[in-house]
Amino acid sequence: MADFTSEFWNLYVVVLTVIGIVGCGVLLWSQSSVKGSALKSVDGKVGTTGHIWDEDLTELNTPMPRWWMWLFYLTIAFAIGYLWLYPGLGSYQGSLGWTSAKEHKEELAKAEKDYGPLFDKYKGQDLKAVAADPQAHAIGERLFLTYCAQCHGSDARGNKGFPNLADKDWLHGGDPDTIKLTIMKGRHGVMPPMGAAVGSEKDIENVTQYVLSLSDSTHDPIKSVMGKSKFSACMACHGAGGKGNPMLGAPNLSDKTWLYGGSAETIMETIRKGRNNTMPAFEDFLGESKVHVLAAYVWGLSNPPVTAMK
């Protein structure tokens, strides 16, 4: 509420808020007693507004119940007290000086004080040993579900454009230290559009069939032979046999693991348009101690605990 672009918006919010509160009070007061000259029934006891429907359906001119009225008066008093103590009235910060950002920082500081020593204990341990620790595994799982599941899924099996972390196929390497580096620094994977480098649309189709043949997927053998020579445009990153290059993050094309899909149509689209994918860095956000535990958990997803103890 404090970041208004001009004083006008501050006054705009203040005026509307005050009018709203005062308006509620006036409306309640106006309904607290009988108003106007009420018509009387024959016995002289019941007032009406004079509105009658279907000959005998009459609107009575009676005030609202007192308990109901006082509840609304209390909400108005609460609103005034709240706006005095807390921000909400334009750029006024409130007498308590409370802000959500300040409270968030205090909560983070308290959490760091309570749990920092625990994370620091694991930070000094080998990642494989941390992966085998049941408590560290549970902590890593919660970190993963909070910060990683949105892209990689709650089961870590990924989705289109987001790698499966539960298998042993890795773009940049699956050893513990590399996984930690990936989480810390993030990754930016780019495949440029290769349509022009490969050649015509027919050449792209032939190269696609050759790529499918590398993983022994269903393919056209004649077209794959014709596309082999054109695959030279791809060798700089994927290698002569299409085995990929972890240093570049270039995928292995000789297995059946596909990041965007392994159909001929999808591969042709990839060749024509390229791909651009980014994993954000978590070093500043989580800190090395938490990343250490998280990396151990991710490594453990594709490595059984018994292996981690070796």
C-alpha atoms as a PDB file:
ATOM      1  CA  MET A   1       0.000   0.000   0.000  1.00  0.00           C
ATOM      2  CA  ALA A   2       2.963   2.325   0.451  1.00  0.00           C
ATOM      3  CA  ASP A   3       4.233   2.168  -3.141  1.00  0.00           C
ATOM      4  CA  PHE A   4       1.762   4.587  -4.753  1.00  0.00           C
ATOM      5  CA  THR A   5       2.871   6.241  -7.975  1.00  0.00           C
ATOM      6  CA  SER A   6       1.443   9.589  -6.841  1.00  0.00           C
ATOM      7  CA  GLU A   7      -0.233  11.197  -3.823  1.00  0.00           C
ATOM      8  CA  PHE A   8      -3.542  11.097  -5.680  1.00  0.00           C
ATOM      9  CA  TRP A   9      -3.873   7.337  -5.247  1.00  0.00           C
ATOM     10  CA  ASN A  10      -3.060   7.613  -1.557  1.00  0.00           C
ATOM     11  CA  LEU A  11      -5.885  10.138  -1.080  1.00  0.00           C
ATOM     12  CA  TYR A  12      -8.159   8.096  -3.342  1.00  0.00           C
ATOM     13  CA  VAL A  13      -7.842   5.027  -1.110  1.00  0.00           C
ATOM     14  CA  VAL A  14      -8.158   7.050   2.101  1.00  0.00           C
ATOM     15  CA  VAL A  15     -11.312   8.855   0.957  1.00  0.00           C
ATOM     16  CA  LEU A  16     -12.999   5.689  -0.305  1.00  0.00           C
ATOM     17  CA  THR A  17     -12.156   3.810   2.898  1.00  0.00           C
ATOM     18  CA  VAL A  18     -13.443   6.585   5.174  1.00  0.00           C
ATOM     19  CA  ILE A  19     -16.612   7.040   3.102  1.00  0.00           C
ATOM     20  CA  GLY A  20     -17.224   3.313   3.258  1.00  0.00           C
ATOM     21  CA  ILE A  21     -16.903   3.153   7.060  1.00  0.00           C
ATOM     22  CA  VAL A  22     -18.967   6.284   7.662  1.00  0.00           C
ATOM     23  CA  GLY A  23     -21.543   5.107   5.137  1.00  0.00           C
ATOM     24  CA  CYS A  24     -21.974   1.808   6.976  1.00  0.00           C
ATOM     25  CA  GLY A  25     -22.486   3.688  10.253  1.00  0.00           C
ATOM     26  CA  VAL A  26     -25.084   6.041   8.746  1.00  0.00           C
ATOM     27  CA  LEU A  27     -26.941   3.142   7.134  1.00  0.00           C
ATOM     28  CA  LEU A  28     -27.082   1.268  10.430  1.00  0.00           C
ATOM     29  CA  TRP A  29     -28.313   4.366  12.299  1.00  0.00           C
ATOM     30  CA  SER A  30     -31.003   4.951   9.680  1.00  0.00           C
ATOM     31  CA  GLN A  31     -32.356   1.450  10.298  1.00  0.00           C
ATOM     32  CA  SER A  32     -32.185   1.601  14.097  1.00  0.00           C
ATOM     33  CA  SER A  33     -35.677   3.053  14.587  1.00  0.00           C
ATOM     34  CA  VAL A  34     -39.023   3.554  12.808  1.00  0.00           C
ATOM     35  CA  LYS A  35     -38.722   6.330  10.223  1.00  0.00           C
ATOM     36  CA  GLY A  36     -41.458   8.420   8.571  1.00  0.00           C
ATOM     37  CA  SER A  37     -45.177   8.415   9.159  1.00  0.00           C
ATOM     38  CA  ALA A  38     -45.989   4.740   9.541  1.00  0.00           C
ATOM     39  CA  LEU A  39     -49.449   3.509   8.737  1.00  0.00           C
ATOM     40  CA  LYS A  40     -51.202   1.725  11.587  1.00  0.00           C
ATOM     41  CA  SER A  41     -53.313  -1.371  11.564  1.00  0.00           C
ATOM     42  CA  VAL A  42     -56.792  -1.450  12.996  1.00  0.00           C
ATOM     43  CA  ASP A  43     -55.560  -2.268  16.533  1.00  0.00           C
ATOM     44  CA  GLY A  44     -53.008   0.566  16.349  1.00  0.00           C
ATOM     45  CA  LYS A  45     -50.036  -1.561  17.387  1.00  0.00           C
ATOM     46  CA  VAL A  46     -48.207  -2.592  14.200  1.00  0.00           C
ATOM     47  CA  GLY A  47     -46.587  -0.009  11.917  1.00  0.00           C
ATOM     48  CA  THR A  48     -46.238  -0.558   8.188  1.00  0.00           C
ATOM     49  CA  THR A  49     -44.416   1.125   5.337  1.00  0.00           C
ATOM     50  CA  GLY A  50     -47.569   1.340   3.269  1.00  0.00           C
ATOM     51  CA  HIS A  51     -46.341  -1.281   0.811  1.00  0.00           C
ATOM     52  CA  ILE A  52     -48.956  -3.989   0.241  1.00  0.00           C
ATOM     53  CA  TRP A  53     -48.841  -6.872  -2.260  1.00  0.00           C
ATOM     54  CA  ASP A  54     -51.490  -9.382  -3.205  1.00  0.00           C
ATOM     55  CA  GLU A  55     -54.076  -7.434  -1.196  1.00  0.00           C
ATOM     56  CA  ASP A  56     -52.895  -8.558   2.271  1.00  0.00           C
ATOM     57  CA  LEU A  57     -49.084  -9.047   2.137  1.00  0.00           C
ATOM     58  CA  THR A  58     -47.837  -6.021   4.123  1.00  0.00           C
ATOM     59  CA  GLU A  59     -44.276  -4.769   4.745  1.00  0.00           C
ATOM     60  CA  LEU A  60     -43.904  -3.896   8.418  1.00  0.00           C
ATOM     61  CA  ASN A  61     -42.062  -0.756   9.443  1.00  0.00           C
ATOM     62  CA  THR A  62     -39.966  -2.225  12.274  1.00  0.00           C
ATOM     63  CA  PRO A  63     -36.301  -1.546  13.145  1.00  0.00           C
ATOM     64  CA  MET A  64     -33.561  -4.138  12.801  1.00  0.00           C
ATOM     65  CA  PRO A  65     -32.914  -6.425  15.843  1.00  0.00           C
ATOM     66  CA  ARG A  66     -30.669  -4.715  18.394  1.00  0.00           C
ATOM     67  CA  TRP A  67     -28.233  -7.617  18.678  1.00  0.00           C
ATOM     68  CA  TRP A  68     -27.765  -7.582  14.907  1.00  0.00           C
ATOM     69  CA  MET A  69     -27.217  -3.804  14.899  1.00  0.00           C
ATOM     70  CA  TRP A  70     -24.608  -3.933  17.677  1.00  0.00           C
ATOM     71  CA  LEU A  71     -22.675  -6.674  15.896  1.00  0.00           C
ATOM     72  CA  PHE A  72     -22.280  -4.402  12.892  1.00  0.00           C
ATOM     73  CA  TYR A  73     -21.332  -1.444  15.094  1.00  0.00           C
ATOM     74  CA  LEU A  74     -18.618  -3.650  16.585  1.00  0.00           C
ATOM     75  CA  THR A  75     -17.284  -4.459  13.100  1.00  0.00           C
ATOM     76  CA  ILE A  76     -17.032  -0.724  12.375  1.00  0.00           C
ATOM     77  CA  ALA A  77     -15.164  -0.179  15.645  1.00  0.00           C
ATOM     78  CA  PHE A  78     -12.876  -3.089  14.785  1.00  0.00           C
ATOM     79  CA  ALA A  79     -12.172  -1.617  11.328  1.00  0.00           C
ATOM     80  CA  ILE A  80     -11.234   1.771  12.821  1.00  0.00           C
ATOM     81  CA  GLY A  81      -8.941   0.121  15.373  1.00  0.00           C
ATOM     82  CA  TYR A  82      -7.341  -2.091  12.745  1.00  0.00           C
ATOM     83  CA  LEU A  83      -6.643   0.827  10.406  1.00  0.00           C
ATOM     84  CA  TRP A  84      -5.086   2.731  13.304  1.00  0.00           C
ATOM     85  CA  LEU A  85      -2.742  -0.118  14.268  1.00  0.00           C
ATOM     86  CA  TYR A  86      -1.942  -1.665  10.868  1.00  0.00           C
ATOM     87  CA  PRO A  87      -1.344  -0.412   7.293  1.00  0.00           C
ATOM     88  CA  GLY A  88      -4.392  -0.248   5.067  1.00  0.00           C
ATOM     89  CA  LEU A  89      -5.384   3.407   4.997  1.00  0.00           C
ATOM     90  CA  GLY A  90      -3.511   4.650   1.958  1.00  0.00           C
ATOM     91  CA  SER A  91       0.207   5.049   2.649  1.00  0.00           C
ATOM     92  CA  TYR A  92      -0.288   5.209   6.425  1.00  0.00           C
ATOM     93  CA  GLN A  93       1.954   2.530   7.952  1.00  0.00           C
ATOM     94  CA  GLY A  94       0.016   1.964  11.169  1.00  0.00           C
ATOM     95  CA  SER A  95       1.038   2.826  14.713  1.00  0.00           C
ATOM     96  CA  LEU A  96       2.593  -0.621  15.263  1.00  0.00           C
ATOM     97  CA  GLY A  97       4.844  -0.342  12.211  1.00  0.00           C
ATOM     98  CA  TRP A  98       3.913  -3.868  11.113  1.00  0.00           C
ATOM     99  CA  THR A  99       4.646  -5.107   7.593  1.00  0.00           C
ATOM    100  CA  SER A 100       4.301  -8.550   6.058  1.00  0.00           C
ATOM    101  CA  ALA A 101       7.884  -8.326   4.769  1.00  0.00           C
ATOM    102  CA  LYS A 102       9.167  -7.622   8.281  1.00  0.00           C
ATOM    103  CA  GLU A 103       7.208 -10.523   9.731  1.00  0.00           C
ATOM    104  CA  HIS A 104       8.482 -12.815   6.975  1.00  0.00           C
ATOM    105  CA  LYS A 105      12.095 -11.858   7.767  1.00  0.00           C
ATOM    106  CA  GLU A 106      11.506 -12.493  11.450  1.00  0.00           C
ATOM    107  CA  GLU A 107      10.053 -15.928  10.696  1.00  0.00           C
ATOM    108  CA  LEU A 108      13.028 -16.749   8.475  1.00  0.00           C
ATOM    109  CA  ALA A 109      15.438 -15.632  11.194  1.00  0.00           C
ATOM    110  CA  LYS A 110      13.666 -17.791  13.771  1.00  0.00           C
ATOM    111  CA  ALA A 111      13.672 -20.786  11.434  1.00  0.00           C
ATOM    112  CA  GLU A 112      17.364 -20.274  10.730  1.00  0.00           C
ATOM    113  CA  LYS A 113      18.073 -20.164  14.465  1.00  0.00           C
ATOM    114  CA  ASP A 114      16.051 -23.318  15.128  1.00  0.00           C
ATOM    115  CA  TYR A 115      17.029 -25.416  12.106  1.00  0.00           C
ATOM    116  CA  GLY A 116      20.307 -23.857  10.949  1.00  0.00           C
ATOM    117  CA  PRO A 117      22.480 -26.120  13.163  1.00  0.00           C
ATOM    118  CA  LEU A 118      20.713 -29.202  11.777  1.00  0.00           C
ATOM    119  CA  PHE A 119      21.404 -28.230   8.168  1.00  0.00           C
ATOM    120  CA  ASP A 120      24.978 -27.250   9.057  1.00  0.00           C
ATOM    121  CA  LYS A 121      25.503 -30.722  10.537  1.00  0.00           C
ATOM    122  CA  TYR A 122      24.600 -32.330   7.225  1.00  0.00           C
ATOM    123  CA  LYS A 123      26.547 -29.774   5.218  1.00  0.00           C
ATOM    124  CA  GLY A 124      29.823 -31.226   6.497  1.00  0.00           C
ATOM    125  CA  GLN A 125      28.874 -34.786   5.506  1.00  0.00           C
ATOM    126  CA  ASP A 126      29.370 -36.592   2.213  1.00  0.00           C
ATOM    127  CA  LEU A 127      26.298 -36.303  -0.006  1.00  0.00           C
ATOM    128  CA  LYS A 128      25.927 -40.060  -0.315  1.00  0.00           C
ATOM    129  CA  ALA A 129      25.938 -40.417   3.470  1.00  0.00           C
ATOM    130  CA  VAL A 130      23.331 -37.669   3.747  1.00  0.00           C
ATOM    131  CA  ALA A 131      21.172 -39.452   1.167  1.00  0.00           C
ATOM    132  CA  ALA A 132      21.208 -42.587   3.350  1.00  0.00           C
ATOM    133  CA  ASP A 133      20.180 -40.726   6.519  1.00  0.00           C
ATOM    134  CA  PRO A 134      16.389 -41.167   7.154  1.00  0.00           C
ATOM    135  CA  GLN A 135      16.005 -37.762   8.812  1.00  0.00           C
ATOM    136  CA  ALA A 136      17.903 -35.986   6.040  1.00  0.00           C
ATOM    137  CA  HIS A 137      15.808 -37.869   3.486  1.00  0.00           C
ATOM    138  CA  ALA A 138      12.588 -36.627   5.104  1.00  0.00           C
ATOM    139  CA  ILE A 139      13.889 -33.047   5.207  1.00  0.00           C
ATOM    140  CA  GLY A 140      15.054 -33.247   1.590  1.00  0.00           C
ATOM    141  CA  GLU A 141      11.682 -34.591   0.514  1.00  0.00           C
ATOM    142  CA  ARG A 142       9.898 -31.599   2.077  1.00  0.00           C
ATOM    143  CA  LEU A 143      12.313 -29.200   0.411  1.00  0.00           C
ATOM    144  CA  PHE A 144      11.727 -30.941  -2.915  1.00  0.00           C
ATOM    145  CA  LEU A 145       7.938 -30.822  -2.603  1.00  0.00           C
ATOM    146  CA  THR A 146       8.111 -27.128  -1.705  1.00  0.00           C
ATOM    147  CA  TYR A 147      10.576 -25.862  -4.303  1.00  0.00           C
ATOM    148  CA  CYS A 148      10.954 -28.484  -7.054  1.00  0.00           C
ATOM    149  CA  ALA A 149       7.676 -30.376  -7.455  1.00  0.00           C
ATOM    150  CA  GLN A 150       6.041 -27.542  -9.417  1.00  0.00           C
ATOM    151  CA  CYS A 151       8.238 -28.410 -12.413  1.00  0.00           C
ATOM    152  CA  HIS A 152       9.498 -31.941 -11.813  1.00  0.00           C
ATOM    153  CA  GLY A 153       6.305 -33.310 -10.248  1.00  0.00           C
ATOM    154  CA  SER A 154       5.698 -34.607  -6.746  1.00  0.00           C
ATOM    155  CA  ASP A 155       7.085 -37.998  -7.813  1.00  0.00           C
ATOM    156  CA  ALA A 156      10.104 -36.316  -9.480  1.00  0.00           C
ATOM    157  CA  ARG A 157       9.315 -37.999 -12.789  1.00  0.00           C
ATOM    158  CA  GLY A 158       9.138 -34.719 -14.638  1.00  0.00           C
ATOM    159  CA  ASN A 159       6.970 -33.630 -17.509  1.00  0.00           C
ATOM    160  CA  LYS A 160       7.377 -32.330 -21.041  1.00  0.00           C
ATOM    161  CA  GLY A 161      10.357 -29.968 -20.900  1.00  0.00           C
ATOM    162  CA  PHE A 162      11.171 -30.888 -17.286  1.00  0.00           C
ATOM    163  CA  PRO A 163      13.609 -33.776 -16.718  1.00  0.00           C
ATOM    164  CA  ASN A 164      12.765 -36.982 -14.903  1.00  0.00           C
ATOM    165  CA  LEU A 165      14.932 -37.033 -11.761  1.00  0.00           C
ATOM    166  CA  ALA A 166      14.028 -40.591 -10.758  1.00  0.00           C
ATOM    167  CA  ASP A 167      15.927 -42.334 -13.578  1.00  0.00           C
ATOM    168  CA  LYS A 168      19.636 -42.403 -14.349  1.00  0.00           C
ATOM    169  CA  ASP A 169      19.492 -40.247 -17.463  1.00  0.00           C
ATOM    170  CA  TRP A 170      21.103 -36.846 -16.791  1.00  0.00           C
ATOM    171  CA  LEU A 171      21.719 -33.919 -19.111  1.00  0.00           C
ATOM    172  CA  HIS A 172      24.622 -32.459 -17.130  1.00  0.00           C
ATOM    173  CA  GLY A 173      25.685 -35.483 -15.096  1.00  0.00           C
ATOM    174  CA  GLY A 174      24.120 -37.381 -12.214  1.00  0.00           C
ATOM    175  CA  ASP A 175      26.906 -37.581  -9.664  1.00  0.00           C
ATOM    176  CA  PRO A 176      26.116 -35.935  -6.294  1.00  0.00           C
ATOM    177  CA  ASP A 177      28.413 -32.936  -6.734  1.00  0.00           C
ATOM    178  CA  THR A 178      27.051 -32.135 -10.201  1.00  0.00           C
ATOM    179  CA  ILE A 179      23.466 -32.342  -8.961  1.00  0.00           C
ATOM    180  CA  LYS A 180      24.345 -29.956  -6.140  1.00  0.00           C
ATOM    181  CA  LEU A 181      26.010 -27.579  -8.601  1.00  0.00           C
ATOM    182  CA  THR A 182      22.915 -27.685 -10.812  1.00  0.00           C
ATOM    183  CA  ILE A 183      20.640 -26.749  -7.924  1.00  0.00           C
ATOM    184  CA  MET A 184      23.016 -24.066  -6.680  1.00  0.00           C
ATOM    185  CA  LYS A 185      23.765 -22.314  -9.970  1.00  0.00           C
ATOM    186  CA  GLY A 186      20.828 -23.364 -12.150  1.00  0.00           C
ATOM    187  CA  ARG A 187      21.047 -24.421 -15.789  1.00  0.00           C
ATOM    188  CA  HIS A 188      20.201 -22.846 -19.113  1.00  0.00           C
ATOM    189  CA  GLY A 189      19.790 -25.344 -21.925  1.00  0.00           C
ATOM    190  CA  VAL A 190      19.587 -23.987 -25.448  1.00  0.00           C
ATOM    191  CA  MET A 191      19.363 -25.807 -28.740  1.00  0.00           C
ATOM    192  CA  PRO A 192      19.382 -23.313 -31.610  1.00  0.00           C
ATOM    193  CA  PRO A 193      17.018 -23.735 -34.584  1.00  0.00           C
ATOM    194  CA  MET A 194      18.839 -26.127 -36.932  1.00  0.00           C
ATOM    195  CA  GLY A 195      16.460 -26.216 -39.881  1.00  0.00           C
ATOM    196  CA  ALA A 196      18.613 -23.991 -42.081  1.00  0.00           C
ATOM    197  CA  ALA A 197      21.805 -25.868 -41.151  1.00  0.00           C
ATOM    198  CA  VAL A 198      20.266 -29.265 -41.908  1.00  0.00           C
ATOM    199  CA  GLY A 199      18.785 -28.173 -45.218  1.00  0.00           C
ATOM    200  CA  SER A 200      15.386 -28.614 -46.799  1.00  0.00           C
ATOM    201  CA  GLU A 201      12.203 -29.877 -45.162  1.00  0.00           C
ATOM    202  CA  LYS A 202      12.981 -33.258 -46.681  1.00  0.00           C
ATOM    203  CA  ASP A 203      16.414 -33.222 -45.084  1.00  0.00           C
ATOM    204  CA  ILE A 204      14.847 -32.462 -41.705  1.00  0.00           C
ATOM    205  CA  GLU A 205      12.537 -35.434 -42.129  1.00  0.00           C
ATOM    206  CA  ASN A 206      15.487 -37.679 -43.050  1.00  0.00           C
ATOM    207  CA  VAL A 207      17.590 -36.504 -40.085  1.00  0.00           C
ATOM    208  CA  THR A 208      14.607 -37.172 -37.822  1.00  0.00           C
ATOM    209  CA  GLN A 209      14.446 -40.747 -39.046  1.00  0.00           C
ATOM    210  CA  TYR A 210      18.189 -41.123 -38.457  1.00  0.00           C
ATOM    211  CA  VAL A 211      17.811 -39.783 -34.917  1.00  0.00           C
ATOM    212  CA  LEU A 212      15.040 -42.312 -34.276  1.00  0.00           C
ATOM    213  CA  SER A 213      17.308 -45.081 -35.558  1.00  0.00           C
ATOM    214  CA  LEU A 214      19.977 -44.180 -32.987  1.00  0.00           C
ATOM    215  CA  SER A 215      17.712 -45.404 -30.184  1.00  0.00           C
ATOM    216  CA  ASP A 216      16.378 -48.303 -32.255  1.00  0.00           C
ATOM    217  CA  SER A 217      12.961 -46.655 -32.308  1.00  0.00           C
ATOM    218  CA  THR A 218      10.499 -47.266 -35.136  1.00  0.00           C
ATOM    219  CA  HIS A 219      11.908 -45.482 -38.192  1.00  0.00           C
ATOM    220  CA  ASP A 220      12.157 -45.506 -41.970  1.00  0.00           C
ATOM    221  CA  PRO A 221      15.483 -47.243 -42.773  1.00  0.00           C
ATOM    222  CA  ILE A 222      15.859 -45.637 -46.204  1.00  0.00           C
ATOM    223  CA  LYS A 223      15.269 -42.106 -44.938  1.00  0.00           C
ATOM    224  CA  SER A 224      17.560 -42.687 -41.952  1.00  0.00           C
ATOM    225  CA  VAL A 225      20.427 -43.628 -44.291  1.00  0.00           C
ATOM    226  CA  MET A 226      19.811 -40.468 -46.287  1.00  0.00           C
ATOM    227  CA  GLY A 227      19.721 -38.390 -43.102  1.00  0.00           C
ATOM    228  CA  LYS A 228      22.968 -39.720 -41.629  1.00  0.00           C
ATOM    229  CA  SER A 229      25.173 -37.370 -43.641  1.00  0.00           C
ATOM    230  CA  LYS A 230      23.017 -34.387 -42.712  1.00  0.00           C
ATOM    231  CA  PHE A 231      23.377 -35.290 -39.025  1.00  0.00           C
ATOM    232  CA  SER A 232      26.871 -33.815 -39.238  1.00  0.00           C
ATOM    233  CA  ALA A 233      25.279 -30.456 -38.383  1.00  0.00           C
ATOM    234  CA  CYS A 234      24.313 -31.940 -35.009  1.00  0.00           C
ATOM    235  CA  MET A 235      27.562 -33.714 -34.141  1.00  0.00           C
ATOM    236  CA  ALA A 236      29.211 -30.688 -32.541  1.00  0.00           C
ATOM    237  CA  CYS A 237      26.884 -31.029 -29.546  1.00  0.00           C
ATOM    238  CA  HIS A 238      25.436 -34.541 -29.676  1.00  0.00           C
ATOM    239  CA  GLY A 239      28.557 -36.358 -30.911  1.00  0.00           C
ATOM    240  CA  ALA A 240      29.051 -38.650 -33.882  1.00  0.00           C
ATOM    241  CA  GLY A 241      26.963 -41.432 -32.348  1.00  0.00           C
ATOM    242  CA  GLY A 242      24.415 -39.105 -30.794  1.00  0.00           C
ATOM    243  CA  LYS A 243      25.594 -39.997 -27.266  1.00  0.00           C
ATOM    244  CA  GLY A 244      25.310 -36.392 -26.100  1.00  0.00           C
ATOM    245  CA  ASN A 245      27.694 -34.212 -24.109  1.00  0.00           C
ATOM    246  CA  PRO A 246      27.109 -33.542 -20.381  1.00  0.00           C
ATOM    247  CA  MET A 247      29.527 -30.607 -20.523  1.00  0.00           C
ATOM    248  CA  LEU A 248      27.099 -28.841 -22.845  1.00  0.00           C
ATOM    249  CA  GLY A 249      23.917 -30.373 -21.493  1.00  0.00           C
ATOM    250  CA  ALA A 250      23.351 -31.947 -24.936  1.00  0.00           C
ATOM    251  CA  PRO A 251      20.983 -34.931 -24.572  1.00  0.00           C
ATOM    252  CA  ASN A 252      21.871 -38.504 -25.445  1.00  0.00           C
ATOM    253  CA  LEU A 253      19.880 -39.316 -28.575  1.00  0.00           C
ATOM    254  CA  SER A 254      20.748 -43.014 -28.546  1.00  0.00           C
ATOM    255  CA  ASP A 255      18.495 -43.936 -25.642  1.00  0.00           C
ATOM    256  CA  LYS A 256      14.715 -43.738 -25.446  1.00  0.00           C
ATOM    257  CA  THR A 257      14.583 -40.871 -22.954  1.00  0.00           C
ATOM    258  CA  TRP A 258      13.132 -37.695 -24.433  1.00  0.00           C
ATOM    259  CA  LEU A 259      12.719 -34.351 -22.734  1.00  0.00           C
ATOM    260  CA  TYR A 260      10.089 -32.985 -25.132  1.00  0.00           C
ATOM    261  CA  GLY A 261       8.818 -36.223 -26.666  1.00  0.00           C
ATOM    262  CA  GLY A 262      10.202 -38.814 -29.050  1.00  0.00           C
ATOM    263  CA  SER A 263       7.674 -38.781 -31.875  1.00  0.00           C
ATOM    264  CA  ALA A 264       8.841 -37.906 -35.380  1.00  0.00           C
ATOM    265  CA  GLU A 265       6.686 -34.767 -35.365  1.00  0.00           C
ATOM    266  CA  THR A 266       8.190 -33.539 -32.085  1.00  0.00           C
ATOM    267  CA  ILE A 267      11.763 -34.211 -33.181  1.00  0.00           C
ATOM    268  CA  MET A 268      11.183 -32.344 -36.439  1.00  0.00           C
ATOM    269  CA  GLU A 269       9.749 -29.426 -34.496  1.00  0.00           C
ATOM    270  CA  THR A 270      12.822 -29.428 -32.254  1.00  0.00           C
ATOM    271  CA  ILE A 271      15.148 -29.354 -35.274  1.00  0.00           C
ATOM    272  CA  ARG A 272      13.201 -26.558 -36.953  1.00  0.00           C
ATOM    273  CA  LYS A 273      12.591 -24.273 -33.966  1.00  0.00           C
ATOM    274  CA  GLY A 274      15.183 -25.299 -31.390  1.00  0.00           C
ATOM    275  CA  ARG A 275      14.564 -25.454 -27.635  1.00  0.00           C
ATOM    276  CA  ASN A 276      15.189 -23.065 -24.774  1.00  0.00           C
ATOM    277  CA  ASN A 277      14.873 -24.197 -21.177  1.00  0.00           C
ATOM    278  CA  THR A 278      15.970 -22.693 -17.876  1.00  0.00           C
ATOM    279  CA  MET A 279      16.266 -24.032 -14.354  1.00  0.00           C
ATOM    280  CA  PRO A 280      16.609 -21.198 -11.804  1.00  0.00           C
ATOM    281  CA  ALA A 281      19.495 -21.026  -9.337  1.00  0.00           C
ATOM    282  CA  PHE A 282      18.657 -21.706  -5.682  1.00  0.00           C
ATOM    283  CA  GLU A 283      21.971 -20.711  -4.111  1.00  0.00           C
ATOM    284  CA  ASP A 284      20.856 -17.317  -2.844  1.00  0.00           C
ATOM    285  CA  PHE A 285      17.304 -18.396  -2.078  1.00  0.00           C
ATOM    286  CA  LEU A 286      17.967 -21.572  -0.086  1.00  0.00           C
ATOM    287  CA  GLY A 287      21.622 -21.309   0.882  1.00  0.00           C
ATOM    288  CA  GLU A 288      24.251 -24.012   0.515  1.00  0.00           C
ATOM    289  CA  SER A 289      23.267 -25.970   3.641  1.00  0.00           C
ATOM    290  CA  LYS A 290      19.706 -26.604   2.452  1.00  0.00           C
ATOM    291  CA  VAL A 291      20.836 -27.232  -1.118  1.00  0.00           C
ATOM    292  CA  HIS A 292      23.249 -29.850   0.230  1.00  0.00           C
ATOM    293  CA  VAL A 293      20.388 -31.823   1.807  1.00  0.00           C
ATOM    294  CA  LEU A 294      18.161 -31.300  -1.234  1.00  0.00           C
ATOM    295  CA  ALA A 295      20.890 -32.498  -3.608  1.00  0.00           C
ATOM    296  CA  ALA A 296      21.360 -35.631  -1.499  1.00  0.00           C
ATOM    297  CA  TYR A 297      17.639 -36.348  -1.715  1.00  0.00           C
ATOM    298  CA  VAL A 298      17.570 -35.860  -5.503  1.00  0.00           C
ATOM    299  CA  TRP A 299      20.606 -38.108  -5.954  1.00  0.00           C
ATOM    300  CA  GLY A 300      18.934 -40.738  -3.765  1.00  0.00           C
ATOM    301  CA  LEU A 301      15.869 -40.804  -6.028  1.00  0.00           C
ATOM    302  CA  SER A 302      17.807 -42.742  -8.668  1.00  0.00           C
ATOM    303  CA  ASN A 303      20.212 -44.482  -6.299  1.00  0.00           C
ATOM    304  CA  PRO A 304      19.006 -47.016  -3.689  1.00  0.00           C
ATOM    305  CA  PRO A 305      19.956 -46.324  -0.031  1.00  0.00           C
ATOM    306  CA  VAL A 306      22.168 -49.423  -0.019  1.00  0.00           C
ATOM    307  CA  THR A 307      24.208 -47.951  -2.865  1.00  0.00           C
ATOM    308  CA  ALA A 308      24.428 -44.653  -1.006  1.00  0.00           C
ATOM    309  CA  MET A 309      26.019 -46.394   2.008  1.00  0.00           C
ATOM    310  CA  LYS A 310      28.919 -47.786  -0.053  1.00  0.00           C
END
